[in-house]
Amino acid sequence: MSASIIFSEWILKNQTLIGGFSGVGIIIADGRYDRRDIKKELEAFRISVDGQLTKVQAELQAEHEFTQGLILRSAIKTMKALDGNKKDMREFIKEMDKVIKCIEAGEDCQKGDKN
């Protein structure tokens, strides 16, 4: 699991804390700078957060599409197995074993996905 996924899960679980931290940061910044500078700081912070959230959203979308592809392939292989062609299902299970080992090792498992 990549660090950005862990971070995004933490953000989703701790949304109240994120809001609290942001508020504290604004109060501290307001005490250190006059009001003109705080607007610049807030805009820079917003741009930074927007960029991070866009990156996390893109990673989650890619994982979602990868998972959907695996589900579709699994359904197709299952239907073929029900029709009597069990060879495709055996190969699919071997591929999934490799993917599971890859995930457990914390590697990027999407690189080798061709189907």
N, C-alpha and C. Protein backbone atom coordinates (compact mmCIF):
# COMPACT_ATOMS: atom_id res chain seq x y z
N MET A 1 0.85 -1.17 0.00
CA MET A 1 0.00 0.00 0.00
C MET A 1 0.90 1.23 0.00
N SER A 2 0.66 2.13 -0.92
CA SER A 2 1.54 3.30 -1.02
C SER A 2 1.24 4.29 0.09
N ALA A 3 2.19 5.15 0.32
CA ALA A 3 2.07 6.14 1.39
C ALA A 3 0.91 7.09 1.12
N SER A 4 0.68 7.42 -0.15
CA SER A 4 -0.42 8.35 -0.44
C SER A 4 -1.77 7.72 -0.15
N ILE A 5 -1.88 6.42 -0.34
CA ILE A 5 -3.15 5.73 -0.04
C ILE A 5 -3.37 5.72 1.47
N ILE A 6 -2.31 5.42 2.21
CA ILE A 6 -2.42 5.43 3.67
C ILE A 6 -2.79 6.83 4.14
N PHE A 7 -2.14 7.86 3.57
CA PHE A 7 -2.44 9.24 3.94
C PHE A 7 -3.88 9.60 3.61
N SER A 8 -4.35 9.17 2.42
CA SER A 8 -5.73 9.51 2.04
C SER A 8 -6.73 8.81 2.94
N GLU A 9 -6.44 7.57 3.34
CA GLU A 9 -7.33 6.88 4.27
C GLU A 9 -7.34 7.59 5.62
N TRP A 10 -6.17 8.05 6.07
CA TRP A 10 -6.10 8.76 7.34
C TRP A 10 -6.91 10.05 7.27
N ILE A 11 -6.80 10.76 6.14
CA ILE A 11 -7.57 12.00 5.97
C ILE A 11 -9.06 11.72 6.06
N LEU A 12 -9.51 10.66 5.38
CA LEU A 12 -10.93 10.33 5.40
C LEU A 12 -11.41 9.96 6.80
N LYS A 13 -10.59 9.28 7.57
CA LYS A 13 -10.97 8.87 8.91
C LYS A 13 -10.88 10.02 9.91
N ASN A 14 -10.08 11.03 9.63
CA ASN A 14 -9.81 12.10 10.58
C ASN A 14 -10.15 13.47 10.01
N GLN A 15 -11.27 13.59 9.36
CA GLN A 15 -11.64 14.86 8.73
C GLN A 15 -11.80 15.98 9.75
N THR A 16 -12.28 15.65 10.93
CA THR A 16 -12.44 16.67 11.96
C THR A 16 -11.09 17.21 12.40
N LEU A 17 -10.11 16.32 12.54
CA LEU A 17 -8.77 16.77 12.93
C LEU A 17 -8.16 17.67 11.86
N ILE A 18 -8.36 17.31 10.59
CA ILE A 18 -7.81 18.12 9.50
C ILE A 18 -8.37 19.53 9.58
N GLY A 19 -9.67 19.64 9.78
CA GLY A 19 -10.29 20.96 9.92
C GLY A 19 -9.73 21.72 11.12
N GLY A 20 -9.52 21.00 12.22
CA GLY A 20 -8.97 21.63 13.43
C GLY A 20 -7.55 22.11 13.22
N PHE A 21 -6.73 21.27 12.58
CA PHE A 21 -5.35 21.66 12.31
C PHE A 21 -5.30 22.88 11.39
N SER A 22 -6.18 22.90 10.40
CA SER A 22 -6.21 24.04 9.48
C SER A 22 -6.56 25.32 10.22
N GLY A 23 -7.55 25.23 11.12
CA GLY A 23 -7.96 26.40 11.90
C GLY A 23 -6.84 26.90 12.79
N VAL A 24 -6.14 25.98 13.43
CA VAL A 24 -5.02 26.37 14.30
C VAL A 24 -3.93 27.04 13.47
N GLY A 25 -3.66 26.49 12.30
CA GLY A 25 -2.65 27.09 11.43
C GLY A 25 -3.00 28.50 11.02
N ILE A 26 -4.28 28.74 10.75
CA ILE A 26 -4.74 30.08 10.37
C ILE A 26 -4.56 31.06 11.53
N ILE A 27 -4.92 30.63 12.73
CA ILE A 27 -4.79 31.51 13.90
C ILE A 27 -3.33 31.86 14.16
N ILE A 28 -2.46 30.85 14.08
CA ILE A 28 -1.03 31.10 14.29
C ILE A 28 -0.49 32.04 13.22
N ALA A 29 -0.86 31.75 11.97
CA ALA A 29 -0.38 32.60 10.87
C ALA A 29 -0.89 34.03 11.03
N ASP A 30 -2.13 34.18 11.47
CA ASP A 30 -2.71 35.50 11.66
C ASP A 30 -1.94 36.26 12.74
N GLY A 31 -1.50 35.57 13.76
CA GLY A 31 -0.74 36.21 14.82
C GLY A 31 0.65 36.63 14.36
N ARG A 32 1.21 35.93 13.40
CA ARG A 32 2.57 36.22 12.95
C ARG A 32 2.62 37.26 11.83
N TYR A 33 1.60 37.30 11.02
CA TYR A 33 1.60 38.19 9.85
C TYR A 33 0.42 39.14 9.93
N ASP A 34 0.51 40.19 9.18
CA ASP A 34 -0.67 41.04 9.12
C ASP A 34 -1.66 40.43 8.13
N ARG A 35 -2.82 40.99 8.02
CA ARG A 35 -3.92 40.38 7.25
C ARG A 35 -3.61 40.25 5.76
N ARG A 36 -2.82 41.12 5.20
CA ARG A 36 -2.49 41.02 3.77
C ARG A 36 -1.69 39.75 3.50
N ASP A 37 -0.74 39.45 4.39
CA ASP A 37 0.10 38.27 4.19
C ASP A 37 -0.67 36.98 4.42
N ILE A 38 -1.64 36.99 5.30
CA ILE A 38 -2.39 35.77 5.59
C ILE A 38 -3.18 35.33 4.35
N LYS A 39 -3.66 36.27 3.57
CA LYS A 39 -4.39 35.90 2.36
C LYS A 39 -3.48 35.16 1.39
N LYS A 40 -2.26 35.62 1.26
CA LYS A 40 -1.30 34.94 0.40
C LYS A 40 -0.98 33.55 0.93
N GLU A 41 -0.80 33.45 2.23
CA GLU A 41 -0.50 32.16 2.85
C GLU A 41 -1.67 31.18 2.67
N LEU A 42 -2.87 31.67 2.87
CA LEU A 42 -4.05 30.81 2.71
C LEU A 42 -4.20 30.34 1.27
N GLU A 43 -3.95 31.21 0.33
CA GLU A 43 -4.05 30.84 -1.08
C GLU A 43 -2.99 29.79 -1.43
N ALA A 44 -1.78 29.97 -0.93
CA ALA A 44 -0.71 28.99 -1.18
C ALA A 44 -1.07 27.65 -0.54
N PHE A 45 -1.63 27.70 0.66
CA PHE A 45 -2.04 26.47 1.35
C PHE A 45 -3.15 25.76 0.57
N ARG A 46 -4.12 26.53 0.09
CA ARG A 46 -5.23 25.95 -0.68
C ARG A 46 -4.72 25.28 -1.95
N ILE A 47 -3.81 25.94 -2.64
CA ILE A 47 -3.25 25.38 -3.87
C ILE A 47 -2.48 24.09 -3.57
N SER A 48 -1.73 24.10 -2.48
CA SER A 48 -0.98 22.91 -2.07
C SER A 48 -1.91 21.73 -1.77
N VAL A 49 -2.95 22.01 -0.98
CA VAL A 49 -3.91 20.95 -0.61
C VAL A 49 -4.66 20.47 -1.85
N ASP A 50 -5.08 21.39 -2.71
CA ASP A 50 -5.78 20.99 -3.94
C ASP A 50 -4.91 20.06 -4.78
N GLY A 51 -3.63 20.38 -4.88
CA GLY A 51 -2.72 19.53 -5.66
C GLY A 51 -2.58 18.15 -5.05
N GLN A 52 -2.47 18.10 -3.73
CA GLN A 52 -2.35 16.80 -3.06
C GLN A 52 -3.62 15.98 -3.22
N LEU A 53 -4.77 16.62 -3.06
CA LEU A 53 -6.04 15.91 -3.19
C LEU A 53 -6.27 15.43 -4.62
N THR A 54 -5.86 16.21 -5.60
CA THR A 54 -5.98 15.80 -7.00
C THR A 54 -5.14 14.56 -7.26
N LYS A 55 -3.93 14.54 -6.71
CA LYS A 55 -3.04 13.39 -6.89
C LYS A 55 -3.65 12.15 -6.22
N VAL A 56 -4.15 12.28 -5.01
CA VAL A 56 -4.75 11.15 -4.30
C VAL A 56 -5.98 10.65 -5.06
N GLN A 57 -6.79 11.58 -5.55
CA GLN A 57 -7.98 11.20 -6.30
C GLN A 57 -7.61 10.43 -7.57
N ALA A 58 -6.57 10.85 -8.26
CA ALA A 58 -6.12 10.15 -9.47
C ALA A 58 -5.64 8.74 -9.13
N GLU A 59 -4.91 8.60 -8.02
CA GLU A 59 -4.44 7.27 -7.61
C GLU A 59 -5.61 6.37 -7.25
N LEU A 60 -6.59 6.91 -6.53
CA LEU A 60 -7.76 6.11 -6.16
C LEU A 60 -8.57 5.71 -7.40
N GLN A 61 -8.68 6.61 -8.37
CA GLN A 61 -9.39 6.30 -9.61
C GLN A 61 -8.68 5.18 -10.36
N ALA A 62 -7.35 5.23 -10.41
CA ALA A 62 -6.58 4.19 -11.10
C ALA A 62 -6.77 2.84 -10.40
N GLU A 63 -6.74 2.84 -9.09
CA GLU A 63 -6.96 1.59 -8.34
C GLU A 63 -8.37 1.07 -8.55
N HIS A 64 -9.33 1.97 -8.60
CA HIS A 64 -10.73 1.58 -8.83
C HIS A 64 -10.87 0.91 -10.21
N GLU A 65 -10.28 1.50 -11.22
CA GLU A 65 -10.35 0.94 -12.57
C GLU A 65 -9.62 -0.41 -12.64
N PHE A 66 -8.49 -0.52 -11.96
CA PHE A 66 -7.74 -1.77 -11.91
C PHE A 66 -8.59 -2.87 -11.28
N THR A 67 -9.24 -2.54 -10.16
CA THR A 67 -10.09 -3.51 -9.47
C THR A 67 -11.28 -3.90 -10.32
N GLN A 68 -11.90 -2.95 -10.99
CA GLN A 68 -13.02 -3.26 -11.88
C GLN A 68 -12.58 -4.21 -12.99
N GLY A 69 -11.40 -4.00 -13.53
CA GLY A 69 -10.88 -4.88 -14.57
C GLY A 69 -10.69 -6.31 -14.06
N LEU A 70 -10.18 -6.43 -12.83
CA LEU A 70 -10.00 -7.75 -12.25
C LEU A 70 -11.35 -8.45 -12.03
N ILE A 71 -12.33 -7.71 -11.59
CA ILE A 71 -13.66 -8.28 -11.36
C ILE A 71 -14.26 -8.75 -12.68
N LEU A 72 -14.15 -7.95 -13.72
CA LEU A 72 -14.69 -8.32 -15.02
C LEU A 72 -13.97 -9.55 -15.56
N ARG A 73 -12.65 -9.57 -15.47
CA ARG A 73 -11.90 -10.75 -15.94
C ARG A 73 -12.29 -11.99 -15.16
N SER A 74 -12.50 -11.84 -13.85
CA SER A 74 -12.91 -12.97 -13.02
C SER A 74 -14.26 -13.51 -13.47
N ALA A 75 -15.19 -12.62 -13.76
CA ALA A 75 -16.52 -13.04 -14.21
C ALA A 75 -16.44 -13.79 -15.54
N ILE A 76 -15.64 -13.28 -16.46
CA ILE A 76 -15.49 -13.93 -17.77
C ILE A 76 -14.87 -15.31 -17.62
N LYS A 77 -13.81 -15.41 -16.82
CA LYS A 77 -13.15 -16.69 -16.61
C LYS A 77 -14.09 -17.68 -15.92
N THR A 78 -14.90 -17.20 -14.99
CA THR A 78 -15.86 -18.07 -14.31
C THR A 78 -16.89 -18.61 -15.28
N MET A 79 -17.39 -17.75 -16.16
CA MET A 79 -18.38 -18.21 -17.15
C MET A 79 -17.76 -19.25 -18.09
N LYS A 80 -16.53 -19.05 -18.49
CA LYS A 80 -15.85 -20.03 -19.34
C LYS A 80 -15.67 -21.35 -18.59
N ALA A 81 -15.34 -21.26 -17.30
CA ALA A 81 -15.17 -22.48 -16.49
C ALA A 81 -16.49 -23.23 -16.37
N LEU A 82 -17.59 -22.50 -16.24
CA LEU A 82 -18.90 -23.15 -16.15
C LEU A 82 -19.26 -23.84 -17.46
N ASP A 83 -18.73 -23.32 -18.57
CA ASP A 83 -18.96 -23.95 -19.88
C ASP A 83 -18.01 -25.12 -20.12
N GLY A 84 -17.08 -25.36 -19.20
CA GLY A 84 -16.20 -26.51 -19.32
C GLY A 84 -14.74 -26.17 -19.55
N ASN A 85 -14.40 -24.93 -19.86
CA ASN A 85 -13.01 -24.54 -20.12
C ASN A 85 -12.38 -24.06 -18.81
N LYS A 86 -11.80 -24.98 -18.08
CA LYS A 86 -11.24 -24.65 -16.76
C LYS A 86 -9.80 -24.14 -16.85
N LYS A 87 -9.17 -24.26 -18.03
CA LYS A 87 -7.78 -23.81 -18.21
C LYS A 87 -7.66 -22.31 -17.95
N ASP A 88 -8.57 -21.51 -18.50
CA ASP A 88 -8.52 -20.05 -18.30
C ASP A 88 -8.65 -19.69 -16.82
N MET A 89 -9.55 -20.40 -16.11
CA MET A 89 -9.75 -20.12 -14.69
C MET A 89 -8.49 -20.47 -13.90
N ARG A 90 -7.83 -21.58 -14.21
CA ARG A 90 -6.59 -21.94 -13.52
C ARG A 90 -5.52 -20.87 -13.73
N GLU A 91 -5.38 -20.39 -14.96
CA GLU A 91 -4.39 -19.34 -15.25
C GLU A 91 -4.74 -18.05 -14.51
N PHE A 92 -6.01 -17.73 -14.46
CA PHE A 92 -6.45 -16.52 -13.76
C PHE A 92 -6.13 -16.62 -12.27
N ILE A 93 -6.37 -17.77 -11.69
CA ILE A 93 -6.08 -17.97 -10.26
C ILE A 93 -4.58 -17.83 -10.01
N LYS A 94 -3.75 -18.36 -10.89
CA LYS A 94 -2.30 -18.21 -10.75
C LYS A 94 -1.90 -16.73 -10.81
N GLU A 95 -2.53 -15.99 -11.75
CA GLU A 95 -2.25 -14.54 -11.86
C GLU A 95 -2.65 -13.81 -10.59
N MET A 96 -3.80 -14.17 -10.03
CA MET A 96 -4.28 -13.51 -8.82
C MET A 96 -3.39 -13.82 -7.63
N ASP A 97 -2.85 -15.05 -7.58
CA ASP A 97 -1.89 -15.37 -6.52
C ASP A 97 -0.67 -14.45 -6.60
N LYS A 98 -0.20 -14.19 -7.83
CA LYS A 98 0.93 -13.28 -8.02
C LYS A 98 0.57 -11.86 -7.57
N VAL A 99 -0.64 -11.42 -7.92
CA VAL A 99 -1.09 -10.07 -7.54
C VAL A 99 -1.19 -9.96 -6.02
N ILE A 100 -1.73 -10.98 -5.38
CA ILE A 100 -1.86 -10.95 -3.91
C ILE A 100 -0.48 -10.87 -3.26
N LYS A 101 0.48 -11.66 -3.75
CA LYS A 101 1.84 -11.60 -3.22
C LYS A 101 2.45 -10.22 -3.45
N CYS A 102 2.17 -9.64 -4.60
CA CYS A 102 2.67 -8.31 -4.93
C CYS A 102 2.11 -7.27 -3.96
N ILE A 103 0.82 -7.35 -3.70
CA ILE A 103 0.17 -6.41 -2.78
C ILE A 103 0.74 -6.57 -1.38
N GLU A 104 0.90 -7.82 -0.94
CA GLU A 104 1.44 -8.07 0.39
C GLU A 104 2.87 -7.55 0.52
N ALA A 105 3.61 -7.57 -0.59
CA ALA A 105 4.99 -7.06 -0.58
C ALA A 105 5.03 -5.54 -0.65
N GLY A 106 3.89 -4.90 -0.91
CA GLY A 106 3.83 -3.44 -0.98
C GLY A 106 4.34 -2.86 -2.28
N GLU A 107 4.31 -3.65 -3.34
CA GLU A 107 4.80 -3.19 -4.63
C GLU A 107 3.65 -2.64 -5.47
N ASP A 108 4.01 -1.99 -6.60
CA ASP A 108 3.00 -1.46 -7.53
C ASP A 108 2.57 -2.60 -8.44
N CYS A 109 1.44 -3.19 -8.16
CA CYS A 109 0.97 -4.39 -8.87
C CYS A 109 0.31 -4.07 -10.21
N GLN A 110 0.04 -2.83 -10.49
CA GLN A 110 -0.67 -2.46 -11.70
C GLN A 110 0.24 -2.45 -12.93
N LYS A 111 1.55 -2.39 -12.73
CA LYS A 111 2.49 -2.28 -13.85
C LYS A 111 2.37 -3.44 -14.82
N GLY A 112 2.22 -4.66 -14.28
CA GLY A 112 2.22 -5.83 -15.13
C GLY A 112 0.86 -6.20 -15.68
N ASP A 113 -0.18 -5.47 -15.36
CA ASP A 113 -1.52 -5.82 -15.81
C ASP A 113 -1.71 -5.43 -17.26
N LYS A 114 -1.81 -6.42 -18.13
CA LYS A 114 -1.95 -6.17 -19.57
C LYS A 114 -3.39 -6.36 -20.03
N ASN A 115 -4.16 -7.18 -19.32
CA ASN A 115 -5.54 -7.51 -19.77
C ASN A 115 -6.54 -6.58 -19.15
